[in-house]
Amino acid sequence: MNPACLPSSPPRKRGSRGGISSPALDSRLRGNDDLAGRAAAARVCLGVVGAPHGVRGAMRIKSFTDEPEAIASYGALEDESGERHFTLRLLGSAKGDGMLIANFSGITDRDRAEALRGLRLYLPRAALPAPAEDEFYYADLVGLTAALGDGTKLGNIIAVHDFGAGDVLEIAREAGAPVLVPFTRAAVPVVDLAGGRVVIDPPDGLLDPSRQRETERRGEPA
């Protein structure tokens, strides 16, 4: 079976590595594909505040957890700065994938709710359950170095996506355009979190070698 990736709800497996999940984040990494680097992995984005709902401080929340309602089960969440903390009380669901309606502690009117629009809600990475064997949180994968089997550095993982056919790693290459690599045991045989790297065995043609050779022949920068 493949490993899985966890956004921040339950962890997932790699396409054989399985899927990716996390106690809080959805396998699509929902808000975590924005994470830029290993420093961001100390916290996981569980959701983002949308428009106010009504006049008593309720607001729409986009949840990034596998089960949208799980966002309210982690206790107080914090803002980007880590200085403000909010406890959510769910009121119901809203139209749209992962959308909920909730009250925040201390927010009692529409104006205060409006002021929070766009706010991202975070949870310390350490508060998430440890993933099972061969399961990974998206936040733990973003920022890892991606190398080929011979040790050649390919680039760095900048996002994890699920477009419907399984998780894929988006890698910003040292040379050339970013590339999407299936997160499967075959394509990603090694995931070394402690070492900060993954080993990529790309499917034939994935790295577009013919275009690379043509670029080198012309003497153009990659």
N, C-alpha and C. Protein backbone atom coordinates (compact mmCIF):
# COMPACT_ATOMS: atom_id res chain seq x y z
N MET A 1 0.85 -1.18 0.00
CA MET A 1 0.00 0.00 0.00
C MET A 1 0.88 1.22 0.00
N ASN A 2 0.33 2.35 -0.38
CA ASN A 2 1.14 3.56 -0.49
C ASN A 2 1.09 4.40 0.76
N PRO A 3 2.07 5.28 0.92
CA PRO A 3 2.12 6.14 2.09
C PRO A 3 1.03 7.16 2.02
N ALA A 4 0.79 7.83 3.11
CA ALA A 4 -0.24 8.83 3.11
C ALA A 4 0.25 10.13 3.64
N CYS A 5 -0.44 11.21 3.26
CA CYS A 5 -0.09 12.54 3.73
C CYS A 5 -1.20 13.09 4.56
N LEU A 6 -0.87 13.79 5.60
CA LEU A 6 -1.90 14.38 6.42
C LEU A 6 -1.84 15.86 6.36
N PRO A 7 -2.87 16.50 6.03
CA PRO A 7 -2.91 17.93 6.04
C PRO A 7 -2.80 18.35 7.44
N SER A 8 -3.80 18.07 8.20
CA SER A 8 -3.70 18.34 9.59
C SER A 8 -4.89 17.74 10.24
N SER A 9 -5.42 16.83 9.66
CA SER A 9 -6.44 16.06 10.31
C SER A 9 -5.77 14.73 10.38
N PRO A 10 -6.45 13.61 10.23
CA PRO A 10 -5.65 12.41 10.40
C PRO A 10 -4.62 12.30 9.30
N PRO A 11 -3.46 11.74 9.56
CA PRO A 11 -2.41 11.60 8.56
C PRO A 11 -2.80 10.66 7.44
N ARG A 12 -2.04 10.75 6.33
CA ARG A 12 -2.34 9.83 5.24
C ARG A 12 -1.15 9.02 4.81
N LYS A 13 -1.42 8.16 3.83
CA LYS A 13 -0.35 7.27 3.40
C LYS A 13 0.12 7.63 2.01
N ARG A 14 1.32 7.11 1.65
CA ARG A 14 1.83 7.34 0.31
C ARG A 14 1.08 6.48 -0.66
N GLY A 15 0.44 7.07 -1.64
CA GLY A 15 -0.25 6.36 -2.67
C GLY A 15 0.03 4.93 -2.78
N SER A 16 0.57 4.28 -2.46
CA SER A 16 0.79 2.92 -2.08
C SER A 16 2.19 3.01 -1.77
N ARG A 17 1.78 4.64 -1.38
CA ARG A 17 1.71 5.33 -0.11
C ARG A 17 0.27 5.73 0.12
N GLY A 18 -0.76 5.24 -0.09
CA GLY A 18 -2.07 5.51 0.36
C GLY A 18 -2.59 6.89 0.20
N GLY A 19 -3.01 7.47 1.26
CA GLY A 19 -3.55 8.79 1.17
C GLY A 19 -2.83 9.67 2.12
N ILE A 20 -3.31 10.88 2.28
CA ILE A 20 -2.69 11.73 3.27
C ILE A 20 -3.79 12.30 4.10
N SER A 21 -3.65 12.30 5.39
CA SER A 21 -4.69 12.87 6.19
C SER A 21 -4.08 13.46 7.39
N SER A 22 -4.88 13.95 8.28
CA SER A 22 -4.33 14.45 9.49
C SER A 22 -5.48 14.72 10.37
N PRO A 23 -5.24 14.73 11.65
CA PRO A 23 -6.32 14.85 12.58
C PRO A 23 -7.06 16.11 12.31
N ALA A 24 -6.45 16.98 11.65
CA ALA A 24 -7.17 18.18 11.42
C ALA A 24 -7.22 18.53 9.99
N LEU A 25 -6.20 18.29 9.23
CA LEU A 25 -6.24 18.74 7.87
C LEU A 25 -6.70 17.71 6.88
N ASP A 26 -7.30 18.19 5.84
CA ASP A 26 -7.83 17.34 4.82
C ASP A 26 -6.73 16.84 3.92
N SER A 27 -6.96 15.74 3.27
CA SER A 27 -5.91 15.17 2.47
C SER A 27 -5.53 16.08 1.35
N ARG A 28 -6.34 17.04 1.06
CA ARG A 28 -5.96 17.96 0.01
C ARG A 28 -5.06 19.02 0.57
N LEU A 29 -4.67 18.80 1.78
CA LEU A 29 -3.75 19.72 2.40
C LEU A 29 -4.45 20.99 2.64
N ARG A 30 -5.62 21.01 2.41
CA ARG A 30 -6.36 22.24 2.25
C ARG A 30 -5.47 23.45 2.50
N GLY A 31 -5.47 24.04 3.67
CA GLY A 31 -4.70 25.26 3.85
C GLY A 31 -3.22 25.08 3.96
N ASN A 32 -2.73 23.87 4.03
CA ASN A 32 -1.31 23.69 4.24
C ASN A 32 -0.46 23.73 3.00
N ASP A 33 -1.06 23.75 1.83
CA ASP A 33 -0.19 23.83 0.67
C ASP A 33 0.38 25.23 0.58
N ASP A 34 -0.03 26.13 1.48
CA ASP A 34 0.52 27.48 1.50
C ASP A 34 1.79 27.53 2.35
N LEU A 35 2.02 26.53 3.16
CA LEU A 35 3.14 26.58 4.08
C LEU A 35 4.44 26.73 3.31
N ALA A 36 5.23 27.71 3.73
CA ALA A 36 6.47 27.97 3.02
C ALA A 36 7.66 27.61 3.88
N GLY A 37 8.05 26.34 3.85
CA GLY A 37 9.27 25.97 4.53
C GLY A 37 9.08 25.23 5.84
N ARG A 38 10.18 24.72 6.33
CA ARG A 38 10.15 23.90 7.53
C ARG A 38 9.76 24.70 8.76
N ALA A 39 10.07 26.00 8.82
CA ALA A 39 9.74 26.78 10.00
C ALA A 39 8.24 26.80 10.20
N ALA A 40 7.49 26.85 9.08
CA ALA A 40 6.04 26.91 9.18
C ALA A 40 5.47 25.62 9.73
N ALA A 41 6.23 24.53 9.64
CA ALA A 41 5.72 23.23 10.06
C ALA A 41 5.55 23.13 11.56
N ALA A 42 6.08 24.11 12.32
CA ALA A 42 5.90 24.12 13.76
C ALA A 42 4.44 24.32 14.10
N ARG A 43 3.70 24.87 13.17
CA ARG A 43 2.26 25.05 13.35
C ARG A 43 1.56 24.56 12.10
N VAL A 44 0.29 24.20 12.26
CA VAL A 44 -0.49 23.72 11.13
C VAL A 44 -1.73 24.60 11.00
N CYS A 45 -2.00 25.03 9.78
CA CYS A 45 -3.18 25.86 9.54
C CYS A 45 -4.40 24.95 9.42
N LEU A 46 -5.35 25.14 10.34
CA LEU A 46 -6.54 24.30 10.35
C LEU A 46 -7.73 24.92 9.64
N GLY A 47 -7.67 26.21 9.39
CA GLY A 47 -8.81 26.84 8.73
C GLY A 47 -8.59 28.33 8.54
N VAL A 48 -9.56 28.94 7.89
CA VAL A 48 -9.49 30.38 7.65
C VAL A 48 -10.89 30.96 7.83
N VAL A 49 -10.94 32.16 8.38
CA VAL A 49 -12.22 32.82 8.66
C VAL A 49 -12.77 33.47 7.40
N GLY A 50 -14.06 33.27 7.17
CA GLY A 50 -14.72 33.87 6.02
C GLY A 50 -15.60 35.03 6.43
N ALA A 51 -16.70 35.20 5.72
CA ALA A 51 -17.59 36.33 5.95
C ALA A 51 -18.43 36.15 7.21
N PRO A 52 -18.87 37.25 7.82
CA PRO A 52 -19.76 37.17 8.98
C PRO A 52 -21.07 36.50 8.59
N HIS A 53 -21.73 35.92 9.59
CA HIS A 53 -23.02 35.29 9.38
C HIS A 53 -23.99 35.85 10.42
N GLY A 54 -24.89 36.69 9.98
CA GLY A 54 -25.81 37.32 10.91
C GLY A 54 -25.19 38.50 11.63
N VAL A 55 -25.83 38.95 12.70
CA VAL A 55 -25.39 40.17 13.39
C VAL A 55 -24.86 39.92 14.80
N ARG A 56 -24.78 38.67 15.21
CA ARG A 56 -24.37 38.38 16.58
C ARG A 56 -22.96 37.80 16.70
N GLY A 57 -22.15 38.04 15.69
CA GLY A 57 -20.75 37.62 15.77
C GLY A 57 -20.41 36.29 15.15
N ALA A 58 -21.42 35.57 14.66
CA ALA A 58 -21.12 34.29 14.00
C ALA A 58 -20.39 34.56 12.68
N MET A 59 -19.62 33.58 12.23
CA MET A 59 -18.89 33.76 10.97
C MET A 59 -18.72 32.42 10.27
N ARG A 60 -18.45 32.51 8.98
CA ARG A 60 -18.19 31.32 8.20
C ARG A 60 -16.72 30.95 8.36
N ILE A 61 -16.48 29.64 8.45
CA ILE A 61 -15.12 29.13 8.60
C ILE A 61 -14.86 28.09 7.52
N LYS A 62 -13.74 28.22 6.86
CA LYS A 62 -13.30 27.19 5.92
C LYS A 62 -12.37 26.25 6.69
N SER A 63 -12.82 25.02 6.92
CA SER A 63 -12.03 24.07 7.69
C SER A 63 -11.15 23.25 6.77
N PHE A 64 -9.90 23.04 7.19
CA PHE A 64 -8.96 22.25 6.41
C PHE A 64 -8.77 20.85 6.99
N THR A 65 -9.64 20.45 7.91
CA THR A 65 -9.49 19.13 8.50
C THR A 65 -10.25 18.09 7.69
N ASP A 66 -9.86 16.83 7.80
CA ASP A 66 -10.52 15.77 7.04
C ASP A 66 -12.01 15.78 7.31
N GLU A 67 -12.37 15.84 8.57
CA GLU A 67 -13.76 16.01 8.96
C GLU A 67 -13.89 17.47 9.35
N PRO A 68 -14.57 18.31 8.56
CA PRO A 68 -14.61 19.74 8.83
C PRO A 68 -14.89 20.10 10.27
N GLU A 69 -15.81 19.38 10.92
CA GLU A 69 -16.19 19.72 12.29
C GLU A 69 -15.06 19.48 13.29
N ALA A 70 -14.05 18.72 12.89
CA ALA A 70 -12.95 18.41 13.81
C ALA A 70 -12.16 19.65 14.19
N ILE A 71 -12.30 20.72 13.43
CA ILE A 71 -11.55 21.94 13.73
C ILE A 71 -11.86 22.47 15.12
N ALA A 72 -13.08 22.17 15.61
CA ALA A 72 -13.48 22.68 16.92
C ALA A 72 -13.06 21.74 18.06
N SER A 73 -12.41 20.64 17.73
CA SER A 73 -12.08 19.65 18.76
C SER A 73 -10.67 19.77 19.30
N TYR A 74 -9.90 20.75 18.81
CA TYR A 74 -8.52 20.88 19.23
C TYR A 74 -8.30 21.93 20.30
N GLY A 75 -9.38 22.49 20.80
CA GLY A 75 -9.23 23.54 21.81
C GLY A 75 -8.95 24.88 21.15
N ALA A 76 -8.30 25.75 21.90
CA ALA A 76 -8.05 27.12 21.41
C ALA A 76 -7.09 27.09 20.21
N LEU A 77 -7.45 27.84 19.18
CA LEU A 77 -6.60 28.02 18.01
C LEU A 77 -5.99 29.41 18.06
N GLU A 78 -4.90 29.60 17.37
CA GLU A 78 -4.23 30.90 17.42
C GLU A 78 -4.12 31.54 16.06
N ASP A 79 -3.90 32.86 16.05
CA ASP A 79 -3.75 33.58 14.79
C ASP A 79 -2.31 33.46 14.30
N GLU A 80 -2.01 34.14 13.17
CA GLU A 80 -0.68 34.05 12.58
C GLU A 80 0.43 34.44 13.55
N SER A 81 0.16 35.44 14.37
CA SER A 81 1.17 35.93 15.30
C SER A 81 1.35 35.02 16.51
N GLY A 82 0.34 34.21 16.79
CA GLY A 82 0.39 33.36 17.97
C GLY A 82 0.00 34.10 19.24
N GLU A 83 -0.38 35.37 19.09
CA GLU A 83 -0.71 36.19 20.26
C GLU A 83 -2.18 36.13 20.64
N ARG A 84 -3.04 35.90 19.66
CA ARG A 84 -4.47 35.83 19.95
C ARG A 84 -4.95 34.40 19.84
N HIS A 85 -5.83 34.02 20.74
CA HIS A 85 -6.35 32.65 20.77
C HIS A 85 -7.87 32.68 20.74
N PHE A 86 -8.44 31.72 20.03
CA PHE A 86 -9.89 31.67 19.86
C PHE A 86 -10.40 30.25 20.08
N THR A 87 -11.51 30.16 20.79
CA THR A 87 -12.19 28.88 20.95
C THR A 87 -13.45 28.92 20.09
N LEU A 88 -13.64 27.90 19.28
CA LEU A 88 -14.78 27.86 18.35
C LEU A 88 -15.94 27.08 18.94
N ARG A 89 -17.15 27.58 18.68
CA ARG A 89 -18.37 26.83 18.98
C ARG A 89 -19.14 26.71 17.68
N LEU A 90 -19.25 25.50 17.19
CA LEU A 90 -19.90 25.29 15.90
C LEU A 90 -21.41 25.48 16.01
N LEU A 91 -21.95 26.14 14.97
CA LEU A 91 -23.40 26.36 14.91
C LEU A 91 -24.05 25.53 13.82
N GLY A 92 -23.25 25.12 12.84
CA GLY A 92 -23.80 24.35 11.73
C GLY A 92 -22.88 24.41 10.54
N SER A 93 -23.34 23.85 9.44
CA SER A 93 -22.55 23.85 8.20
C SER A 93 -23.03 24.97 7.28
N ALA A 94 -22.18 25.32 6.34
CA ALA A 94 -22.51 26.36 5.36
C ALA A 94 -22.26 25.78 3.98
N LYS A 95 -22.79 26.45 2.97
CA LYS A 95 -22.63 25.97 1.60
C LYS A 95 -21.17 26.05 1.19
N GLY A 96 -20.68 24.97 0.61
CA GLY A 96 -19.30 24.93 0.15
C GLY A 96 -18.50 23.85 0.86
N ASP A 97 -17.49 23.33 0.20
CA ASP A 97 -16.66 22.26 0.73
C ASP A 97 -15.92 22.72 1.99
N GLY A 98 -16.16 22.02 3.10
CA GLY A 98 -15.46 22.33 4.34
C GLY A 98 -15.93 23.59 5.03
N MET A 99 -17.04 24.16 4.61
CA MET A 99 -17.51 25.41 5.19
C MET A 99 -18.42 25.16 6.39
N LEU A 100 -18.18 25.94 7.46
CA LEU A 100 -18.95 25.84 8.69
C LEU A 100 -19.37 27.23 9.14
N ILE A 101 -20.32 27.25 10.07
CA ILE A 101 -20.70 28.50 10.73
C ILE A 101 -20.36 28.32 12.20
N ALA A 102 -19.68 29.30 12.78
CA ALA A 102 -19.23 29.16 14.16
C ALA A 102 -19.20 30.49 14.88
N ASN A 103 -19.24 30.41 16.20
CA ASN A 103 -19.00 31.56 17.06
C ASN A 103 -17.59 31.46 17.62
N PHE A 104 -16.94 32.60 17.77
CA PHE A 104 -15.62 32.63 18.39
C PHE A 104 -15.76 33.23 19.77
N SER A 105 -14.96 32.74 20.69
CA SER A 105 -14.97 33.32 22.03
C SER A 105 -14.62 34.81 21.95
N GLY A 106 -15.42 35.63 22.59
CA GLY A 106 -15.15 37.06 22.65
C GLY A 106 -15.65 37.86 21.46
N ILE A 107 -16.23 37.21 20.46
CA ILE A 107 -16.74 37.92 19.27
C ILE A 107 -18.26 37.89 19.34
N THR A 108 -18.86 39.05 19.59
CA THR A 108 -20.31 39.08 19.84
C THR A 108 -21.10 39.97 18.88
N ASP A 109 -20.43 40.59 17.92
CA ASP A 109 -21.19 41.40 16.97
C ASP A 109 -20.57 41.29 15.58
N ARG A 110 -21.32 41.75 14.59
CA ARG A 110 -20.91 41.59 13.18
C ARG A 110 -19.63 42.37 12.86
N ASP A 111 -19.47 43.54 13.45
CA ASP A 111 -18.28 44.34 13.15
C ASP A 111 -17.00 43.61 13.58
N ARG A 112 -17.03 43.00 14.77
CA ARG A 112 -15.85 42.27 15.22
C ARG A 112 -15.62 41.03 14.36
N ALA A 113 -16.71 40.41 13.95
CA ALA A 113 -16.58 39.25 13.07
C ALA A 113 -15.97 39.65 11.74
N GLU A 114 -16.42 40.76 11.20
CA GLU A 114 -15.90 41.26 9.92
C GLU A 114 -14.40 41.54 10.01
N ALA A 115 -13.97 42.03 11.16
CA ALA A 115 -12.55 42.37 11.34
C ALA A 115 -11.66 41.13 11.29
N LEU A 116 -12.25 39.95 11.49
CA LEU A 116 -11.47 38.72 11.46
C LEU A 116 -11.48 38.03 10.10
N ARG A 117 -12.19 38.59 9.15
CA ARG A 117 -12.27 37.96 7.83
C ARG A 117 -10.87 37.75 7.25
N GLY A 118 -10.61 36.55 6.77
CA GLY A 118 -9.30 36.24 6.19
C GLY A 118 -8.28 35.73 7.20
N LEU A 119 -8.63 35.75 8.48
CA LEU A 119 -7.70 35.29 9.52
C LEU A 119 -7.48 33.79 9.40
N ARG A 120 -6.23 33.38 9.42
CA ARG A 120 -5.91 31.96 9.41
C ARG A 120 -5.80 31.45 10.85
N LEU A 121 -6.28 30.24 11.07
CA LEU A 121 -6.31 29.66 12.40
C LEU A 121 -5.32 28.51 12.49
N TYR A 122 -4.44 28.58 13.47
CA TYR A 122 -3.34 27.62 13.58
C TYR A 122 -3.39 26.81 14.87
N LEU A 123 -2.75 25.66 14.80
CA LEU A 123 -2.57 24.79 15.95
C LEU A 123 -1.10 24.37 15.96
N PRO A 124 -0.47 24.34 17.14
CA PRO A 124 0.92 23.87 17.18
C PRO A 124 1.02 22.45 16.62
N ARG A 125 2.02 22.20 15.82
CA ARG A 125 2.21 20.87 15.22
C ARG A 125 2.30 19.80 16.30
N ALA A 126 2.89 20.15 17.44
CA ALA A 126 3.07 19.17 18.51
C ALA A 126 1.75 18.71 19.11
N ALA A 127 0.68 19.47 18.87
CA ALA A 127 -0.62 19.10 19.44
C ALA A 127 -1.32 18.03 18.61
N LEU A 128 -0.81 17.75 17.43
CA LEU A 128 -1.44 16.75 16.57
C LEU A 128 -0.96 15.34 16.96
N PRO A 129 -1.82 14.36 16.80
CA PRO A 129 -1.44 12.98 17.13
C PRO A 129 -0.30 12.51 16.22
N ALA A 130 0.52 11.62 16.75
CA ALA A 130 1.60 11.08 15.93
C ALA A 130 1.00 10.23 14.82
N PRO A 131 1.46 10.39 13.58
CA PRO A 131 0.92 9.58 12.48
C PRO A 131 1.37 8.13 12.59
N ALA A 132 0.61 7.27 11.96
CA ALA A 132 0.96 5.85 11.94
C ALA A 132 2.14 5.63 10.98
N GLU A 133 2.63 4.42 10.95
CA GLU A 133 3.75 4.10 10.06
C GLU A 133 3.40 4.39 8.61
N ASP A 134 4.33 5.05 7.93
CA ASP A 134 4.15 5.39 6.52
C ASP A 134 3.01 6.39 6.29
N GLU A 135 2.67 7.14 7.31
CA GLU A 135 1.71 8.23 7.17
C GLU A 135 2.46 9.52 7.48
N PHE A 136 2.02 10.60 6.80
CA PHE A 136 2.74 11.86 6.94
C PHE A 136 1.78 13.04 6.91
N TYR A 137 2.10 14.05 7.69
CA TYR A 137 1.35 15.29 7.63
C TYR A 137 1.92 16.13 6.50
N TYR A 138 1.04 16.81 5.79
CA TYR A 138 1.50 17.69 4.72
C TYR A 138 2.56 18.65 5.26
N ALA A 139 2.27 19.20 6.42
CA ALA A 139 3.17 20.20 6.98
C ALA A 139 4.57 19.65 7.22
N ASP A 140 4.69 18.33 7.42
CA ASP A 140 6.01 17.73 7.63
C ASP A 140 6.75 17.50 6.32
N LEU A 141 6.00 17.45 5.22
CA LEU A 141 6.62 17.20 3.93
C LEU A 141 7.08 18.49 3.25
N VAL A 142 6.29 19.55 3.43
CA VAL A 142 6.64 20.82 2.78
C VAL A 142 7.96 21.35 3.33
N GLY A 143 8.86 21.67 2.42
CA GLY A 143 10.18 22.17 2.80
C GLY A 143 11.27 21.12 2.73
N LEU A 144 10.90 19.84 2.62
CA LEU A 144 11.93 18.80 2.52
C LEU A 144 12.69 18.91 1.20
N THR A 145 13.95 18.54 1.23
CA THR A 145 14.76 18.47 0.02
C THR A 145 14.35 17.23 -0.77
N ALA A 146 14.24 17.37 -2.07
CA ALA A 146 13.94 16.23 -2.94
C ALA A 146 15.19 15.92 -3.76
N ALA A 147 15.63 14.68 -3.68
CA ALA A 147 16.85 14.29 -4.41
C ALA A 147 16.58 13.03 -5.22
N LEU A 148 17.37 12.83 -6.25
CA LEU A 148 17.28 11.61 -7.04
C LEU A 148 18.05 10.50 -6.33
N GLY A 149 17.90 9.28 -6.81
CA GLY A 149 18.55 8.14 -6.17
C GLY A 149 20.05 8.23 -6.11
N ASP A 150 20.67 8.96 -7.07
CA ASP A 150 22.13 9.09 -7.08
C ASP A 150 22.62 10.23 -6.21
N GLY A 151 21.69 10.87 -5.50
CA GLY A 151 22.08 11.97 -4.61
C GLY A 151 21.94 13.35 -5.22
N THR A 152 21.66 13.43 -6.52
CA THR A 152 21.50 14.73 -7.17
C THR A 152 20.28 15.46 -6.61
N LYS A 153 20.47 16.68 -6.17
CA LYS A 153 19.35 17.44 -5.62
C LYS A 153 18.43 17.88 -6.74
N LEU A 154 17.17 17.57 -6.58
CA LEU A 154 16.17 17.97 -7.57
C LEU A 154 15.56 19.32 -7.22
N GLY A 155 15.35 19.54 -5.94
CA GLY A 155 14.74 20.80 -5.49
C GLY A 155 14.16 20.63 -4.10
N ASN A 156 13.07 21.36 -3.84
CA ASN A 156 12.42 21.30 -2.53
C ASN A 156 10.91 21.18 -2.70
N ILE A 157 10.29 20.43 -1.80
CA ILE A 157 8.83 20.29 -1.83
C ILE A 157 8.22 21.61 -1.37
N ILE A 158 7.37 22.17 -2.19
CA ILE A 158 6.75 23.45 -1.83
C ILE A 158 5.26 23.31 -1.56
N ALA A 159 4.66 22.17 -1.90
CA ALA A 159 3.23 21.97 -1.64
C ALA A 159 2.89 20.50 -1.84
N VAL A 160 1.77 20.11 -1.26
CA VAL A 160 1.22 18.77 -1.48
C VAL A 160 -0.21 18.98 -1.96
N HIS A 161 -0.59 18.29 -3.02
CA HIS A 161 -1.92 18.47 -3.60
C HIS A 161 -2.63 17.13 -3.75
N ASP A 162 -3.94 17.21 -3.81
CA ASP A 162 -4.73 16.03 -4.16
C ASP A 162 -5.76 16.52 -5.18
N PHE A 163 -5.53 16.22 -6.44
CA PHE A 163 -6.42 16.66 -7.51
C PHE A 163 -7.48 15.61 -7.83
N GLY A 164 -7.56 14.58 -6.98
CA GLY A 164 -8.59 13.58 -7.17
C GLY A 164 -8.06 12.18 -7.48
N ALA A 165 -6.80 12.09 -7.89
CA ALA A 165 -6.24 10.79 -8.25
C ALA A 165 -5.14 10.36 -7.28
N GLY A 166 -5.09 10.98 -6.12
CA GLY A 166 -4.05 10.66 -5.15
C GLY A 166 -3.16 11.86 -4.89
N ASP A 167 -2.43 11.80 -3.80
CA ASP A 167 -1.58 12.92 -3.42
C ASP A 167 -0.37 13.06 -4.35
N VAL A 168 0.00 14.30 -4.61
CA VAL A 168 1.18 14.58 -5.42
C VAL A 168 2.02 15.64 -4.72
N LEU A 169 3.32 15.54 -4.87
CA LEU A 169 4.24 16.52 -4.31
C LEU A 169 4.61 17.52 -5.39
N GLU A 170 4.52 18.80 -5.07
CA GLU A 170 4.98 19.83 -5.99
C GLU A 170 6.39 20.22 -5.60
N ILE A 171 7.32 20.05 -6.52
CA ILE A 171 8.73 20.29 -6.23
C ILE A 171 9.25 21.45 -7.06
N ALA A 172 9.79 22.45 -6.38
CA ALA A 172 10.45 23.57 -7.06
C ALA A 172 11.87 23.10 -7.36
N ARG A 173 12.18 22.98 -8.65
CA ARG A 173 13.47 22.41 -9.03
C ARG A 173 14.60 23.43 -9.01
N GLU A 174 15.82 22.91 -8.87
CA GLU A 174 17.01 23.74 -8.94
C GLU A 174 17.10 24.39 -10.32
N ALA A 175 16.67 23.64 -11.32
CA ALA A 175 16.67 24.14 -12.69
C ALA A 175 15.41 23.65 -13.38
N GLY A 176 14.73 24.55 -14.05
CA GLY A 176 13.51 24.15 -14.73
C GLY A 176 12.26 24.50 -13.94
N ALA A 177 11.12 24.25 -14.58
CA ALA A 177 9.84 24.56 -13.96
C ALA A 177 9.52 23.57 -12.83
N PRO A 178 8.64 23.95 -11.90
CA PRO A 178 8.23 23.01 -10.85
C PRO A 178 7.66 21.75 -11.47
N VAL A 179 7.76 20.65 -10.75
CA VAL A 179 7.27 19.37 -11.26
C VAL A 179 6.38 18.73 -10.20
N LEU A 180 5.36 17.99 -10.65
CA LEU A 180 4.47 17.27 -9.75
C LEU A 180 4.84 15.80 -9.77
N VAL A 181 5.09 15.25 -8.59
CA VAL A 181 5.51 13.86 -8.46
C VAL A 181 4.47 13.09 -7.65
N PRO A 182 3.96 11.97 -8.17
CA PRO A 182 2.98 11.19 -7.41
C PRO A 182 3.59 10.75 -6.08
N PHE A 183 2.83 10.89 -5.00
CA PHE A 183 3.35 10.48 -3.70
C PHE A 183 3.03 9.01 -3.49
N THR A 184 3.78 8.17 -4.18
CA THR A 184 3.62 6.72 -4.09
C THR A 184 4.96 6.11 -3.69
N ARG A 185 4.91 4.87 -3.25
CA ARG A 185 6.16 4.20 -2.88
C ARG A 185 7.09 4.09 -4.08
N ALA A 186 6.51 3.89 -5.26
CA ALA A 186 7.34 3.73 -6.45
C ALA A 186 8.06 5.02 -6.81
N ALA A 187 7.34 6.15 -6.77
CA ALA A 187 7.92 7.43 -7.18
C ALA A 187 8.69 8.11 -6.05
N VAL A 188 8.31 7.81 -4.81
CA VAL A 188 8.98 8.41 -3.65
C VAL A 188 9.35 7.27 -2.68
N PRO A 189 10.39 6.51 -3.01
CA PRO A 189 10.72 5.33 -2.21
C PRO A 189 11.25 5.63 -0.82
N VAL A 190 11.78 6.84 -0.62
CA VAL A 190 12.36 7.18 0.69
C VAL A 190 11.79 8.51 1.19
N VAL A 191 11.27 8.49 2.41
CA VAL A 191 10.85 9.71 3.09
C VAL A 191 11.61 9.76 4.41
N ASP A 192 12.57 10.65 4.50
CA ASP A 192 13.44 10.74 5.67
C ASP A 192 13.19 12.08 6.36
N LEU A 193 12.19 12.10 7.25
CA LEU A 193 11.85 13.35 7.93
C LEU A 193 13.00 13.84 8.79
N ALA A 194 13.65 12.93 9.49
CA ALA A 194 14.76 13.33 10.36
C ALA A 194 15.89 13.94 9.56
N GLY A 195 16.11 13.40 8.37
CA GLY A 195 17.18 13.92 7.52
C GLY A 195 16.75 15.07 6.64
N GLY A 196 15.45 15.40 6.67
CA GLY A 196 14.95 16.54 5.90
C GLY A 196 14.94 16.31 4.41
N ARG A 197 14.68 15.07 3.97
CA ARG A 197 14.74 14.82 2.53
C ARG A 197 13.80 13.69 2.12
N VAL A 198 13.51 13.67 0.82
CA VAL A 198 12.84 12.54 0.19
C VAL A 198 13.68 12.15 -1.01
N VAL A 199 13.60 10.88 -1.40
CA VAL A 199 14.29 10.41 -2.60
C VAL A 199 13.23 10.16 -3.66
N ILE A 200 13.45 10.73 -4.84
CA ILE A 200 12.50 10.64 -5.94
C ILE A 200 13.01 9.68 -7.02
N ASP A 201 12.13 8.78 -7.44
CA ASP A 201 12.42 7.90 -8.58
C ASP A 201 11.36 8.24 -9.62
N PRO A 202 11.57 9.32 -10.39
CA PRO A 202 10.51 9.83 -11.26
C PRO A 202 10.13 8.89 -12.39
N PRO A 203 8.85 8.81 -12.69
CA PRO A 203 8.40 8.01 -13.84
C PRO A 203 9.06 8.54 -15.12
N ASP A 204 9.21 7.69 -16.12
CA ASP A 204 9.83 8.10 -17.38
C ASP A 204 9.14 9.33 -17.94
N GLY A 205 9.96 10.32 -18.33
CA GLY A 205 9.44 11.52 -18.96
C GLY A 205 8.96 12.58 -18.01
N LEU A 206 8.87 12.26 -16.70
CA LEU A 206 8.32 13.23 -15.75
C LEU A 206 9.13 14.51 -15.69
N LEU A 207 10.43 14.38 -15.75
CA LEU A 207 11.29 15.56 -15.64
C LEU A 207 11.59 16.18 -16.99
N ASP A 208 10.93 15.69 -18.04
CA ASP A 208 11.05 16.26 -19.38
C ASP A 208 12.50 16.32 -19.85
N PRO A 209 13.20 15.19 -19.89
CA PRO A 209 14.60 15.20 -20.28
C PRO A 209 14.85 15.69 -21.70
N SER A 210 13.91 15.46 -22.62
CA SER A 210 14.13 15.90 -24.01
C SER A 210 14.21 17.41 -24.09
N ARG A 211 13.35 18.07 -23.32
CA ARG A 211 13.37 19.53 -23.32
C ARG A 211 14.65 20.04 -22.67
N GLN A 212 15.09 19.34 -21.61
CA GLN A 212 16.31 19.74 -20.94
C GLN A 212 17.51 19.62 -21.88
N ARG A 213 17.57 18.51 -22.65
CA ARG A 213 18.68 18.32 -23.59
C ARG A 213 18.67 19.40 -24.66
N GLU A 214 17.48 19.77 -25.13
CA GLU A 214 17.39 20.81 -26.16
C GLU A 214 17.86 22.15 -25.60
N THR A 215 17.52 22.42 -24.35
CA THR A 215 17.95 23.66 -23.72
C THR A 215 19.47 23.70 -23.61
N GLU A 216 20.05 22.55 -23.19
CA GLU A 216 21.51 22.50 -23.05
C GLU A 216 22.19 22.64 -24.41
N ARG A 217 21.59 22.04 -25.44
CA ARG A 217 22.19 22.12 -26.80
C ARG A 217 22.26 23.56 -27.28
N ARG A 218 21.21 24.31 -26.95
CA ARG A 218 21.18 25.70 -27.37
C ARG A 218 22.01 26.62 -26.50
N GLY A 219 22.48 26.06 -25.38
CA GLY A 219 23.29 26.88 -24.49
C GLY A 219 22.46 27.88 -23.71
N GLU A 220 21.16 27.61 -23.58
CA GLU A 220 20.29 28.52 -22.86
C GLU A 220 20.26 28.11 -21.39
N PRO A 221 19.98 29.10 -20.50
CA PRO A 221 19.85 28.74 -19.09
C PRO A 221 18.63 27.85 -18.90
N ALA A 222 18.70 26.90 -17.97
CA ALA A 222 17.58 25.99 -17.74
C ALA A 222 16.41 26.73 -17.16
